Amino acid sequence: MIKIKRLYKSFTYAFRGLFKTLREEQNLQIQSVAGLVVIIFGWYFKIENWEWLILIFVIGLVILMELINSAVERITDVLKPRLDNYVKEIKDIMAAAVMLASAIAVIVGLIIFLPYFLNY
């Protein structure tokens, strides 16, 4: 049975983490604004439903990767004095994952929006 009070607490903690990360992480702020701009373009050009699905997926992917990156950075900061070399490698790998997700999102955005811009 679902306990509403417990569910409410879970959502409260999740939103607290999201807003804290949004406040503190510049890259997440930039990616969120970019996602909002893409959504505005989608609305303006009246893109197809399948295009919306793909765009929402890649926007979500980038934001999720940035949230995971932020969490991993905080975890590795706890370990930093003892495992300095590994911490740097872990942070570099996570940064690469976010960069790759962002590059994929840009490519998908170009594939979807370029025809709309060219026909405008």
PDB file of N, CA and C in Angstrom:
ATOM      1  N   MET A   1       0.836  -1.182   0.000  1.00  0.00           N
ATOM      2  CA  MET A   1       0.000   0.000   0.000  1.00  0.00           C
ATOM      3  C   MET A   1       0.886   1.253   0.000  1.00  0.00           C
ATOM      4  N   ILE A   2       0.503   2.221  -0.786  1.00  0.00           N
ATOM      5  CA  ILE A   2       1.257   3.467  -0.892  1.00  0.00           C
ATOM      6  C   ILE A   2       0.933   4.355   0.311  1.00  0.00           C
ATOM      7  N   LYS A   3       1.991   4.846   0.945  1.00  0.00           N
ATOM      8  CA  LYS A   3       1.827   5.760   2.070  1.00  0.00           C
ATOM      9  C   LYS A   3       2.070   7.174   1.560  1.00  0.00           C
ATOM     10  N   ILE A   4       1.026   7.968   1.545  1.00  0.00           N
ATOM     11  CA  ILE A   4       1.087   9.319   0.974  1.00  0.00           C
ATOM     12  C   ILE A   4       2.134  10.178   1.677  1.00  0.00           C
ATOM     13  N   LYS A   5       2.211  10.109   2.983  1.00  0.00           N
ATOM     14  CA  LYS A   5       3.161  10.930   3.730  1.00  0.00           C
ATOM     15  C   LYS A   5       4.606  10.594   3.329  1.00  0.00           C
ATOM     16  N   ARG A   6       4.890   9.298   3.200  1.00  0.00           N
ATOM     17  CA  ARG A   6       6.217   8.858   2.804  1.00  0.00           C
ATOM     18  C   ARG A   6       6.524   9.279   1.369  1.00  0.00           C
ATOM     19  N   LEU A   7       5.548   9.162   0.481  1.00  0.00           N
ATOM     20  CA  LEU A   7       5.703   9.581  -0.900  1.00  0.00           C
ATOM     21  C   LEU A   7       5.970  11.083  -0.983  1.00  0.00           C
ATOM     22  N   TYR A   8       5.232  11.850  -0.199  1.00  0.00           N
ATOM     23  CA  TYR A   8       5.414  13.305  -0.156  1.00  0.00           C
ATOM     24  C   TYR A   8       6.840  13.652   0.283  1.00  0.00           C
ATOM     25  N   LYS A   9       7.338  12.959   1.308  1.00  0.00           N
ATOM     26  CA  LYS A   9       8.708  13.200   1.775  1.00  0.00           C
ATOM     27  C   LYS A   9       9.721  12.892   0.678  1.00  0.00           C
ATOM     28  N   SER A  10       9.504  11.813  -0.043  1.00  0.00           N
ATOM     29  CA  SER A  10      10.416  11.437  -1.125  1.00  0.00           C
ATOM     30  C   SER A  10      10.489  12.528  -2.187  1.00  0.00           C
ATOM     31  N   PHE A  11       9.323  13.048  -2.576  1.00  0.00           N
ATOM     32  CA  PHE A  11       9.305  14.123  -3.568  1.00  0.00           C
ATOM     33  C   PHE A  11       9.947  15.398  -3.017  1.00  0.00           C
ATOM     34  N   THR A  12       9.729  15.674  -1.742  1.00  0.00           N
ATOM     35  CA  THR A  12      10.340  16.848  -1.112  1.00  0.00           C
ATOM     36  C   THR A  12      11.853  16.757  -1.174  1.00  0.00           C
ATOM     37  N   TYR A  13      12.409  15.590  -0.828  1.00  0.00           N
ATOM     38  CA  TYR A  13      13.861  15.408  -0.880  1.00  0.00           C
ATOM     39  C   TYR A  13      14.383  15.528  -2.318  1.00  0.00           C
ATOM     40  N   ALA A  14      13.648  14.956  -3.258  1.00  0.00           N
ATOM     41  CA  ALA A  14      14.074  15.005  -4.658  1.00  0.00           C
ATOM     42  C   ALA A  14      14.108  16.443  -5.175  1.00  0.00           C
ATOM     43  N   PHE A  15      13.057  17.209  -4.889  1.00  0.00           N
ATOM     44  CA  PHE A  15      13.033  18.606  -5.349  1.00  0.00           C
ATOM     45  C   PHE A  15      14.084  19.439  -4.637  1.00  0.00           C
ATOM     46  N   ARG A  16      14.331  19.150  -3.375  1.00  0.00           N
ATOM     47  CA  ARG A  16      15.378  19.860  -2.639  1.00  0.00           C
ATOM     48  C   ARG A  16      16.732  19.629  -3.313  1.00  0.00           C
ATOM     49  N   GLY A  17      17.010  18.381  -3.688  1.00  0.00           N
ATOM     50  CA  GLY A  17      18.268  18.071  -4.377  1.00  0.00           C
ATOM     51  C   GLY A  17      18.360  18.741  -5.736  1.00  0.00           C
ATOM     52  N   LEU A  18      17.262  18.735  -6.469  1.00  0.00           N
ATOM     53  CA  LEU A  18      17.247  19.369  -7.786  1.00  0.00           C
ATOM     54  C   LEU A  18      17.499  20.872  -7.681  1.00  0.00           C
ATOM     55  N   PHE A  19      16.786  21.540  -6.777  1.00  0.00           N
ATOM     56  CA  PHE A  19      16.938  22.996  -6.656  1.00  0.00           C
ATOM     57  C   PHE A  19      18.302  23.382  -6.092  1.00  0.00           C
ATOM     58  N   LYS A  20      18.838  22.578  -5.183  1.00  0.00           N
ATOM     59  CA  LYS A  20      20.180  22.847  -4.658  1.00  0.00           C
ATOM     60  C   LYS A  20      21.206  22.754  -5.781  1.00  0.00           C
ATOM     61  N   THR A  21      21.098  21.724  -6.595  1.00  0.00           N
ATOM     62  CA  THR A  21      22.027  21.550  -7.701  1.00  0.00           C
ATOM     63  C   THR A  21      21.861  22.667  -8.725  1.00  0.00           C
ATOM     64  N   LEU A  22      20.616  23.048  -9.003  1.00  0.00           N
ATOM     65  CA  LEU A  22      20.378  24.156  -9.935  1.00  0.00           C
ATOM     66  C   LEU A  22      21.004  25.459  -9.421  1.00  0.00           C
ATOM     67  N   ARG A  23      20.918  25.690  -8.116  1.00  0.00           N
ATOM     68  CA  ARG A  23      21.499  26.902  -7.527  1.00  0.00           C
ATOM     69  C   ARG A  23      23.021  26.898  -7.594  1.00  0.00           C
ATOM     70  N   GLU A  24      23.627  25.735  -7.405  1.00  0.00           N
ATOM     71  CA  GLU A  24      25.068  25.675  -7.209  1.00  0.00           C
ATOM     72  C   GLU A  24      25.876  25.309  -8.455  1.00  0.00           C
ATOM     73  N   GLU A  25      25.262  24.673  -9.426  1.00  0.00           N
ATOM     74  CA  GLU A  25      26.011  24.186 -10.584  1.00  0.00           C
ATOM     75  C   GLU A  25      25.734  25.029 -11.823  1.00  0.00           C
ATOM     76  N   GLN A  26      26.740  25.792 -12.237  1.00  0.00           N
ATOM     77  CA  GLN A  26      26.599  26.682 -13.394  1.00  0.00           C
ATOM     78  C   GLN A  26      26.272  25.904 -14.668  1.00  0.00           C
ATOM     79  N   ASN A  27      26.901  24.757 -14.848  1.00  0.00           N
ATOM     80  CA  ASN A  27      26.643  23.982 -16.065  1.00  0.00           C
ATOM     81  C   ASN A  27      25.192  23.524 -16.138  1.00  0.00           C
ATOM     82  N   LEU A  28      24.623  23.134 -15.016  1.00  0.00           N
ATOM     83  CA  LEU A  28      23.219  22.720 -15.004  1.00  0.00           C
ATOM     84  C   LEU A  28      22.312  23.905 -15.333  1.00  0.00           C
ATOM     85  N   GLN A  29      22.671  25.083 -14.860  1.00  0.00           N
ATOM     86  CA  GLN A  29      21.895  26.279 -15.195  1.00  0.00           C
ATOM     87  C   GLN A  29      21.931  26.548 -16.693  1.00  0.00           C
ATOM     88  N   ILE A  30      23.123  26.448 -17.279  1.00  0.00           N
ATOM     89  CA  ILE A  30      23.268  26.676 -18.723  1.00  0.00           C
ATOM     90  C   ILE A  30      22.486  25.630 -19.508  1.00  0.00           C
ATOM     91  N   GLN A  31      22.610  24.367 -19.105  1.00  0.00           N
ATOM     92  CA  GLN A  31      21.914  23.291 -19.815  1.00  0.00           C
ATOM     93  C   GLN A  31      20.401  23.422 -19.672  1.00  0.00           C
ATOM     94  N   SER A  32      19.938  23.889 -18.530  1.00  0.00           N
ATOM     95  CA  SER A  32      18.495  24.081 -18.330  1.00  0.00           C
ATOM     96  C   SER A  32      17.970  25.198 -19.219  1.00  0.00           C
ATOM     97  N   VAL A  33      18.725  26.284 -19.306  1.00  0.00           N
ATOM     98  CA  VAL A  33      18.323  27.392 -20.186  1.00  0.00           C
ATOM     99  C   VAL A  33      18.331  26.928 -21.638  1.00  0.00           C
ATOM    100  N   ALA A  34      19.353  26.175 -22.023  1.00  0.00           N
ATOM    101  CA  ALA A  34      19.416  25.652 -23.397  1.00  0.00           C
ATOM    102  C   ALA A  34      18.217  24.754 -23.672  1.00  0.00           C
ATOM    103  N   GLY A  35      17.863  23.899 -22.725  1.00  0.00           N
ATOM    104  CA  GLY A  35      16.693  23.040 -22.876  1.00  0.00           C
ATOM    105  C   GLY A  35      15.418  23.842 -23.029  1.00  0.00           C
ATOM    106  N   LEU A  36      15.302  24.915 -22.259  1.00  0.00           N
ATOM    107  CA  LEU A  36      14.123  25.787 -22.356  1.00  0.00           C
ATOM    108  C   LEU A  36      14.057  26.467 -23.726  1.00  0.00           C
ATOM    109  N   VAL A  37      15.192  26.921 -24.229  1.00  0.00           N
ATOM    110  CA  VAL A  37      15.247  27.533 -25.567  1.00  0.00           C
ATOM    111  C   VAL A  37      14.805  26.529 -26.628  1.00  0.00           C
ATOM    112  N   VAL A  38      15.270  25.292 -26.503  1.00  0.00           N
ATOM    113  CA  VAL A  38      14.884  24.242 -27.459  1.00  0.00           C
ATOM    114  C   VAL A  38      13.372  24.011 -27.399  1.00  0.00           C
ATOM    115  N   ILE A  39      12.813  23.983 -26.200  1.00  0.00           N
ATOM    116  CA  ILE A  39      11.364  23.805 -26.046  1.00  0.00           C
ATOM    117  C   ILE A  39      10.603  24.967 -26.684  1.00  0.00           C
ATOM    118  N   ILE A  40      11.104  26.181 -26.527  1.00  0.00           N
ATOM    119  CA  ILE A  40      10.469  27.355 -27.152  1.00  0.00           C
ATOM    120  C   ILE A  40      10.526  27.239 -28.680  1.00  0.00           C
ATOM    121  N   PHE A  41      11.689  26.828 -29.216  1.00  0.00           N
ATOM    122  CA  PHE A  41      11.793  26.610 -30.663  1.00  0.00           C
ATOM    123  C   PHE A  41      10.816  25.540 -31.127  1.00  0.00           C
ATOM    124  N   GLY A  42      10.723  24.464 -30.376  1.00  0.00           N
ATOM    125  CA  GLY A  42       9.786  23.395 -30.727  1.00  0.00           C
ATOM    126  C   GLY A  42       8.355  23.884 -30.773  1.00  0.00           C
ATOM    127  N   TRP A  43       7.993  24.690 -29.802  1.00  0.00           N
ATOM    128  CA  TRP A  43       6.638  25.263 -29.753  1.00  0.00           C
ATOM    129  C   TRP A  43       6.434  26.226 -30.937  1.00  0.00           C
ATOM    130  N   TYR A  44       7.434  27.062 -31.200  1.00  0.00           N
ATOM    131  CA  TYR A  44       7.332  28.047 -32.270  1.00  0.00           C
ATOM    132  C   TYR A  44       7.183  27.381 -33.641  1.00  0.00           C
ATOM    133  N   PHE A  45       7.986  26.361 -33.892  1.00  0.00           N
ATOM    134  CA  PHE A  45       7.946  25.682 -35.183  1.00  0.00           C
ATOM    135  C   PHE A  45       6.882  24.598 -35.267  1.00  0.00           C
ATOM    136  N   LYS A  46       6.157  24.368 -34.172  1.00  0.00           N
ATOM    137  CA  LYS A  46       5.102  23.343 -34.140  1.00  0.00           C
ATOM    138  C   LYS A  46       5.633  21.994 -34.627  1.00  0.00           C
ATOM    139  N   ILE A  47       6.672  21.530 -33.957  1.00  0.00           N
ATOM    140  CA  ILE A  47       7.303  20.277 -34.372  1.00  0.00           C
ATOM    141  C   ILE A  47       6.367  19.084 -34.133  1.00  0.00           C
ATOM    142  N   GLU A  48       6.681  17.986 -34.793  1.00  0.00           N
ATOM    143  CA  GLU A  48       5.871  16.767 -34.719  1.00  0.00           C
ATOM    144  C   GLU A  48       6.007  16.101 -33.345  1.00  0.00           C
ATOM    145  N   ASN A  49       5.032  15.261 -33.009  1.00  0.00           N
ATOM    146  CA  ASN A  49       5.057  14.559 -31.722  1.00  0.00           C
ATOM    147  C   ASN A  49       6.310  13.709 -31.551  1.00  0.00           C
ATOM    148  N   TRP A  50       6.729  13.003 -32.588  1.00  0.00           N
ATOM    149  CA  TRP A  50       7.918  12.158 -32.470  1.00  0.00           C
ATOM    150  C   TRP A  50       9.164  13.000 -32.239  1.00  0.00           C
ATOM    151  N   GLU A  51       9.183  14.217 -32.785  1.00  0.00           N
ATOM    152  CA  GLU A  51      10.316  15.109 -32.560  1.00  0.00           C
ATOM    153  C   GLU A  51      10.339  15.585 -31.102  1.00  0.00           C
ATOM    154  N   TRP A  52       9.144  15.857 -30.565  1.00  0.00           N
ATOM    155  CA  TRP A  52       9.045  16.223 -29.151  1.00  0.00           C
ATOM    156  C   TRP A  52       9.598  15.113 -28.264  1.00  0.00           C
ATOM    157  N   LEU A  53       9.222  13.875 -28.578  1.00  0.00           N
ATOM    158  CA  LEU A  53       9.687  12.743 -27.773  1.00  0.00           C
ATOM    159  C   LEU A  53      11.205  12.665 -27.751  1.00  0.00           C
ATOM    160  N   ILE A  54      11.805  12.811 -28.903  1.00  0.00           N
ATOM    161  CA  ILE A  54      13.261  12.720 -28.987  1.00  0.00           C
ATOM    162  C   ILE A  54      13.918  13.891 -28.260  1.00  0.00           C
ATOM    163  N   LEU A  55      13.395  15.100 -28.469  1.00  0.00           N
ATOM    164  CA  LEU A  55      13.980  16.279 -27.811  1.00  0.00           C
ATOM    165  C   LEU A  55      13.863  16.192 -26.289  1.00  0.00           C
ATOM    166  N   ILE A  56      12.713  15.790 -25.806  1.00  0.00           N
ATOM    167  CA  ILE A  56      12.532  15.669 -24.357  1.00  0.00           C
ATOM    168  C   ILE A  56      13.474  14.601 -23.807  1.00  0.00           C
ATOM    169  N   PHE A  57      13.643  13.526 -24.549  1.00  0.00           N
ATOM    170  CA  PHE A  57      14.563  12.471 -24.118  1.00  0.00           C
ATOM    171  C   PHE A  57      15.993  12.994 -24.009  1.00  0.00           C
ATOM    172  N   VAL A  58      16.487  13.696 -25.038  1.00  0.00           N
ATOM    173  CA  VAL A  58      17.886  14.148 -24.993  1.00  0.00           C
ATOM    174  C   VAL A  58      18.081  15.291 -23.994  1.00  0.00           C
ATOM    175  N   ILE A  59      17.086  16.165 -23.830  1.00  0.00           N
ATOM    176  CA  ILE A  59      17.180  17.200 -22.796  1.00  0.00           C
ATOM    177  C   ILE A  59      17.252  16.533 -21.426  1.00  0.00           C
ATOM    178  N   GLY A  60      16.387  15.560 -21.213  1.00  0.00           N
ATOM    179  CA  GLY A  60      16.403  14.822 -19.952  1.00  0.00           C
ATOM    180  C   GLY A  60      17.714  14.095 -19.732  1.00  0.00           C
ATOM    181  N   LEU A  61      18.257  13.513 -20.797  1.00  0.00           N
ATOM    182  CA  LEU A  61      19.538  12.806 -20.699  1.00  0.00           C
ATOM    183  C   LEU A  61      20.643  13.743 -20.226  1.00  0.00           C
ATOM    184  N   VAL A  62      20.721  14.918 -20.808  1.00  0.00           N
ATOM    185  CA  VAL A  62      21.769  15.871 -20.441  1.00  0.00           C
ATOM    186  C   VAL A  62      21.596  16.307 -18.980  1.00  0.00           C
ATOM    187  N   ILE A  63      20.389  16.635 -18.593  1.00  0.00           N
ATOM    188  CA  ILE A  63      20.146  17.086 -17.215  1.00  0.00           C
ATOM    189  C   ILE A  63      20.423  15.956 -16.226  1.00  0.00           C
ATOM    190  N   LEU A  64      19.983  14.740 -16.554  1.00  0.00           N
ATOM    191  CA  LEU A  64      20.271  13.596 -15.680  1.00  0.00           C
ATOM    192  C   LEU A  64      21.770  13.359 -15.552  1.00  0.00           C
ATOM    193  N   MET A  65      22.499  13.433 -16.653  1.00  0.00           N
ATOM    194  CA  MET A  65      23.951  13.229 -16.596  1.00  0.00           C
ATOM    195  C   MET A  65      24.619  14.300 -15.737  1.00  0.00           C
ATOM    196  N   GLU A  66      24.146  15.519 -15.823  1.00  0.00           N
ATOM    197  CA  GLU A  66      24.725  16.592 -15.008  1.00  0.00           C
ATOM    198  C   GLU A  66      24.418  16.373 -13.531  1.00  0.00           C
ATOM    199  N   LEU A  67      23.220  15.913 -13.219  1.00  0.00           N
ATOM    200  CA  LEU A  67      22.885  15.614 -11.821  1.00  0.00           C
ATOM    201  C   LEU A  67      23.752  14.471 -11.289  1.00  0.00           C
ATOM    202  N   ILE A  68      23.928  13.430 -12.096  1.00  0.00           N
ATOM    203  CA  ILE A  68      24.784  12.314 -11.687  1.00  0.00           C
ATOM    204  C   ILE A  68      26.221  12.799 -11.509  1.00  0.00           C
ATOM    205  N   ASN A  69      26.691  13.622 -12.432  1.00  0.00           N
ATOM    206  CA  ASN A  69      28.027  14.178 -12.338  1.00  0.00           C
ATOM    207  C   ASN A  69      28.204  14.960 -11.036  1.00  0.00           C
ATOM    208  N   SER A  70      27.224  15.771 -10.693  1.00  0.00           N
ATOM    209  CA  SER A  70      27.301  16.559  -9.465  1.00  0.00           C
ATOM    210  C   SER A  70      27.351  15.662  -8.230  1.00  0.00           C
ATOM    211  N   ALA A  71      26.554  14.610  -8.234  1.00  0.00           N
ATOM    212  CA  ALA A  71      26.545  13.681  -7.103  1.00  0.00           C
ATOM    213  C   ALA A  71      27.892  12.961  -6.988  1.00  0.00           C
ATOM    214  N   VAL A  72      28.420  12.491  -8.115  1.00  0.00           N
ATOM    215  CA  VAL A  72      29.703  11.785  -8.096  1.00  0.00           C
ATOM    216  C   VAL A  72      30.823  12.728  -7.650  1.00  0.00           C
ATOM    217  N   GLU A  73      30.785  13.982  -8.091  1.00  0.00           N
ATOM    218  CA  GLU A  73      31.793  14.951  -7.653  1.00  0.00           C
ATOM    219  C   GLU A  73      31.767  15.125  -6.140  1.00  0.00           C
ATOM    220  N   ARG A  74      30.585  15.204  -5.573  1.00  0.00           N
ATOM    221  CA  ARG A  74      30.477  15.361  -4.126  1.00  0.00           C
ATOM    222  C   ARG A  74      31.004  14.115  -3.395  1.00  0.00           C
ATOM    223  N   ILE A  75      30.697  12.960  -3.934  1.00  0.00           N
ATOM    224  CA  ILE A  75      31.197  11.721  -3.319  1.00  0.00           C
ATOM    225  C   ILE A  75      32.722  11.672  -3.386  1.00  0.00           C
ATOM    226  N   THR A  76      33.271  11.997  -4.550  1.00  0.00           N
ATOM    227  CA  THR A  76      34.722  11.916  -4.702  1.00  0.00           C
ATOM    228  C   THR A  76      35.436  12.987  -3.883  1.00  0.00           C
ATOM    229  N   ASP A  77      34.802  14.117  -3.643  1.00  0.00           N
ATOM    230  CA  ASP A  77      35.411  15.152  -2.806  1.00  0.00           C
ATOM    231  C   ASP A  77      35.634  14.645  -1.381  1.00  0.00           C
ATOM    232  N   VAL A  78      34.788  13.745  -0.931  1.00  0.00           N
ATOM    233  CA  VAL A  78      34.968  13.154   0.390  1.00  0.00           C
ATOM    234  C   VAL A  78      36.228  12.283   0.400  1.00  0.00           C
ATOM    235  N   LEU A  79      36.525  11.629  -0.706  1.00  0.00           N
ATOM    236  CA  LEU A  79      37.663  10.723  -0.805  1.00  0.00           C
ATOM    237  C   LEU A  79      38.960  11.413  -1.217  1.00  0.00           C
ATOM    238  N   LYS A  80      38.876  12.646  -1.647  1.00  0.00           N
ATOM    239  CA  LYS A  80      39.984  13.330  -2.306  1.00  0.00           C
ATOM    240  C   LYS A  80      41.334  13.231  -1.591  1.00  0.00           C
ATOM    241  N   PRO A  81      41.420  13.503  -0.309  1.00  0.00           N
ATOM    242  CA  PRO A  81      42.762  13.475   0.294  1.00  0.00           C
ATOM    243  C   PRO A  81      43.446  12.109   0.198  1.00  0.00           C
ATOM    244  N   ARG A  82      42.669  11.043   0.180  1.00  0.00           N
ATOM    245  CA  ARG A  82      43.257   9.700   0.190  1.00  0.00           C
ATOM    246  C   ARG A  82      43.487   9.148  -1.211  1.00  0.00           C
ATOM    247  N   LEU A  83      42.682   9.533  -2.168  1.00  0.00           N
ATOM    248  CA  LEU A  83      42.733   8.915  -3.493  1.00  0.00           C
ATOM    249  C   LEU A  83      42.810   9.975  -4.590  1.00  0.00           C
ATOM    250  N   ASP A  84      43.741  10.873  -4.453  1.00  0.00           N
ATOM    251  CA  ASP A  84      43.799  12.061  -5.307  1.00  0.00           C
ATOM    252  C   ASP A  84      43.803  11.739  -6.803  1.00  0.00           C
ATOM    253  N   ASN A  85      44.643  10.814  -7.265  1.00  0.00           N
ATOM    254  CA  ASN A  85      44.720  10.498  -8.688  1.00  0.00           C
ATOM    255  C   ASN A  85      43.420   9.902  -9.215  1.00  0.00           C
ATOM    256  N   TYR A  86      42.849   8.976  -8.457  1.00  0.00           N
ATOM    257  CA  TYR A  86      41.598   8.348  -8.870  1.00  0.00           C
ATOM    258  C   TYR A  86      40.451   9.353  -8.907  1.00  0.00           C
ATOM    259  N   VAL A  87      40.445  10.266  -7.952  1.00  0.00           N
ATOM    260  CA  VAL A  87      39.384  11.277  -7.904  1.00  0.00           C
ATOM    261  C   VAL A  87      39.414  12.123  -9.167  1.00  0.00           C
ATOM    262  N   LYS A  88      40.601  12.535  -9.587  1.00  0.00           N
ATOM    263  CA  LYS A  88      40.727  13.332 -10.818  1.00  0.00           C
ATOM    264  C   LYS A  88      40.215  12.546 -12.019  1.00  0.00           C
ATOM    265  N   GLU A  89      40.598  11.274 -12.107  1.00  0.00           N
ATOM    266  CA  GLU A  89      40.146  10.443 -13.221  1.00  0.00           C
ATOM    267  C   GLU A  89      38.635  10.265 -13.218  1.00  0.00           C
ATOM    268  N   ILE A  90      38.067  10.036 -12.051  1.00  0.00           N
ATOM    269  CA  ILE A  90      36.611   9.868 -11.930  1.00  0.00           C
ATOM    270  C   ILE A  90      35.899  11.140 -12.384  1.00  0.00           C
ATOM    271  N   LYS A  91      36.380  12.280 -11.922  1.00  0.00           N
ATOM    272  CA  LYS A  91      35.755  13.550 -12.316  1.00  0.00           C
ATOM    273  C   LYS A  91      35.891  13.792 -13.816  1.00  0.00           C
ATOM    274  N   ASP A  92      37.048  13.462 -14.380  1.00  0.00           N
ATOM    275  CA  ASP A  92      37.253  13.622 -15.822  1.00  0.00           C
ATOM    276  C   ASP A  92      36.313  12.719 -16.614  1.00  0.00           C
ATOM    277  N   ILE A  93      36.141  11.488 -16.155  1.00  0.00           N
ATOM    278  CA  ILE A  93      35.250  10.551 -16.844  1.00  0.00           C
ATOM    279  C   ILE A  93      33.809  11.043 -16.790  1.00  0.00           C
ATOM    280  N   MET A  94      33.389  11.536 -15.640  1.00  0.00           N
ATOM    281  CA  MET A  94      32.011  12.045 -15.516  1.00  0.00           C
ATOM    282  C   MET A  94      31.817  13.292 -16.379  1.00  0.00           C
ATOM    283  N   ALA A  95      32.829  14.151 -16.421  1.00  0.00           N
ATOM    284  CA  ALA A  95      32.735  15.334 -17.283  1.00  0.00           C
ATOM    285  C   ALA A  95      32.624  14.917 -18.746  1.00  0.00           C
ATOM    286  N   ALA A  96      33.350  13.885 -19.114  1.00  0.00           N
ATOM    287  CA  ALA A  96      33.274  13.364 -20.492  1.00  0.00           C
ATOM    288  C   ALA A  96      31.877  12.826 -20.789  1.00  0.00           C
ATOM    289  N   ALA A  97      31.275  12.153 -19.823  1.00  0.00           N
ATOM    290  CA  ALA A  97      29.929  11.610 -20.018  1.00  0.00           C
ATOM    291  C   ALA A  97      28.923  12.735 -20.252  1.00  0.00           C
ATOM    292  N   VAL A  98      29.031  13.808 -19.472  1.00  0.00           N
ATOM    293  CA  VAL A  98      28.128  14.948 -19.650  1.00  0.00           C
ATOM    294  C   VAL A  98      28.379  15.609 -21.002  1.00  0.00           C
ATOM    295  N   MET A  99      29.652  15.757 -21.361  1.00  0.00           N
ATOM    296  CA  MET A  99      29.981  16.374 -22.646  1.00  0.00           C
ATOM    297  C   MET A  99      29.443  15.549 -23.812  1.00  0.00           C
ATOM    298  N   LEU A 100      29.574  14.236 -23.723  1.00  0.00           N
ATOM    299  CA  LEU A 100      29.070  13.361 -24.776  1.00  0.00           C
ATOM    300  C   LEU A 100      27.546  13.449 -24.888  1.00  0.00           C
ATOM    301  N   ALA A 101      26.856  13.450 -23.752  1.00  0.00           N
ATOM    302  CA  ALA A 101      25.395  13.587 -23.766  1.00  0.00           C
ATOM    303  C   ALA A 101      24.996  14.927 -24.376  1.00  0.00           C
ATOM    304  N   SER A 102      25.735  15.977 -24.035  1.00  0.00           N
ATOM    305  CA  SER A 102      25.444  17.310 -24.586  1.00  0.00           C
ATOM    306  C   SER A 102      25.690  17.345 -26.097  1.00  0.00           C
ATOM    307  N   ALA A 103      26.772  16.718 -26.540  1.00  0.00           N
ATOM    308  CA  ALA A 103      27.068  16.685 -27.975  1.00  0.00           C
ATOM    309  C   ALA A 103      25.981  15.924 -28.728  1.00  0.00           C
ATOM    310  N   ILE A 104      25.528  14.818 -28.175  1.00  0.00           N
ATOM    311  CA  ILE A 104      24.441  14.056 -28.794  1.00  0.00           C
ATOM    312  C   ILE A 104      23.187  14.916 -28.882  1.00  0.00           C
ATOM    313  N   ALA A 105      22.895  15.656 -27.812  1.00  0.00           N
ATOM    314  CA  ALA A 105      21.713  16.522 -27.802  1.00  0.00           C
ATOM    315  C   ALA A 105      21.815  17.607 -28.868  1.00  0.00           C
ATOM    316  N   VAL A 106      22.996  18.178 -29.035  1.00  0.00           N
ATOM    317  CA  VAL A 106      23.190  19.204 -30.069  1.00  0.00           C
ATOM    318  C   VAL A 106      22.978  18.609 -31.452  1.00  0.00           C
ATOM    319  N   ILE A 107      23.532  17.441 -31.700  1.00  0.00           N
ATOM    320  CA  ILE A 107      23.376  16.782 -33.009  1.00  0.00           C
ATOM    321  C   ILE A 107      21.907  16.487 -33.278  1.00  0.00           C
ATOM    322  N   VAL A 108      21.214  15.942 -32.283  1.00  0.00           N
ATOM    323  CA  VAL A 108      19.780  15.658 -32.442  1.00  0.00           C
ATOM    324  C   VAL A 108      19.015  16.949 -32.708  1.00  0.00           C
ATOM    325  N   GLY A 109      19.353  17.999 -31.957  1.00  0.00           N
ATOM    326  CA  GLY A 109      18.691  19.294 -32.163  1.00  0.00           C
ATOM    327  C   GLY A 109      18.908  19.828 -33.564  1.00  0.00           C
ATOM    328  N   LEU A 110      20.130  19.700 -34.072  1.00  0.00           N
ATOM    329  CA  LEU A 110      20.412  20.161 -35.432  1.00  0.00           C
ATOM    330  C   LEU A 110      19.634  19.347 -36.466  1.00  0.00           C
ATOM    331  N   ILE A 111      19.594  18.042 -36.281  1.00  0.00           N
ATOM    332  CA  ILE A 111      18.866  17.185 -37.226  1.00  0.00           C
ATOM    333  C   ILE A 111      17.385  17.556 -37.252  1.00  0.00           C
ATOM    334  N   ILE A 112      16.827  17.849 -36.087  1.00  0.00           N
ATOM    335  CA  ILE A 112      15.391  18.175 -36.017  1.00  0.00           C
ATOM    336  C   ILE A 112      15.115  19.591 -36.492  1.00  0.00           C
ATOM    337  N   PHE A 113      15.931  20.565 -36.051  1.00  0.00           N
ATOM    338  CA  PHE A 113      15.583  21.965 -36.299  1.00  0.00           C
ATOM    339  C   PHE A 113      16.140  22.548 -37.585  1.00  0.00           C
ATOM    340  N   LEU A 114      17.205  21.987 -38.122  1.00  0.00           N
ATOM    341  CA  LEU A 114      17.787  22.558 -39.335  1.00  0.00           C
ATOM    342  C   LEU A 114      16.777  22.678 -40.473  1.00  0.00           C
ATOM    343  N   PRO A 115      15.979  21.650 -40.757  1.00  0.00           N
ATOM    344  CA  PRO A 115      14.968  21.814 -41.816  1.00  0.00           C
ATOM    345  C   PRO A 115      13.966  22.931 -41.527  1.00  0.00           C
ATOM    346  N   TYR A 116      13.599  23.097 -40.271  1.00  0.00           N
ATOM    347  CA  TYR A 116      12.657  24.172 -39.918  1.00  0.00           C
ATOM    348  C   TYR A 116      13.291  25.548 -40.151  1.00  0.00           C
ATOM    349  N   PHE A 117      14.558  25.697 -39.757  1.00  0.00           N
ATOM    350  CA  PHE A 117      15.236  26.966 -39.964  1.00  0.00           C
ATOM    351  C   PHE A 117      15.465  27.248 -41.448  1.00  0.00           C
ATOM    352  N   LEU A 118      15.819  26.223 -42.209  1.00  0.00           N
ATOM    353  CA  LEU A 118      16.074  26.404 -43.646  1.00  0.00           C
ATOM    354  C   LEU A 118      14.797  26.745 -44.417  1.00  0.00           C
ATOM    355  N   ASN A 119      13.658  26.222 -43.954  1.00  0.00           N
ATOM    356  CA  ASN A 119      12.384  26.503 -44.627  1.00  0.00           C
ATOM    357  C   ASN A 119      11.681  27.721 -44.093  1.00  0.00           C
ATOM    358  N   TYR A 120      12.271  28.394 -43.133  1.00  0.00           N
ATOM    359  CA  TYR A 120      11.607  29.548 -42.487  1.00  0.00           C
ATOM    360  C   TYR A 120      11.647  30.758 -43.348  1.00  0.00           C
TER     361      TYR A 120
END
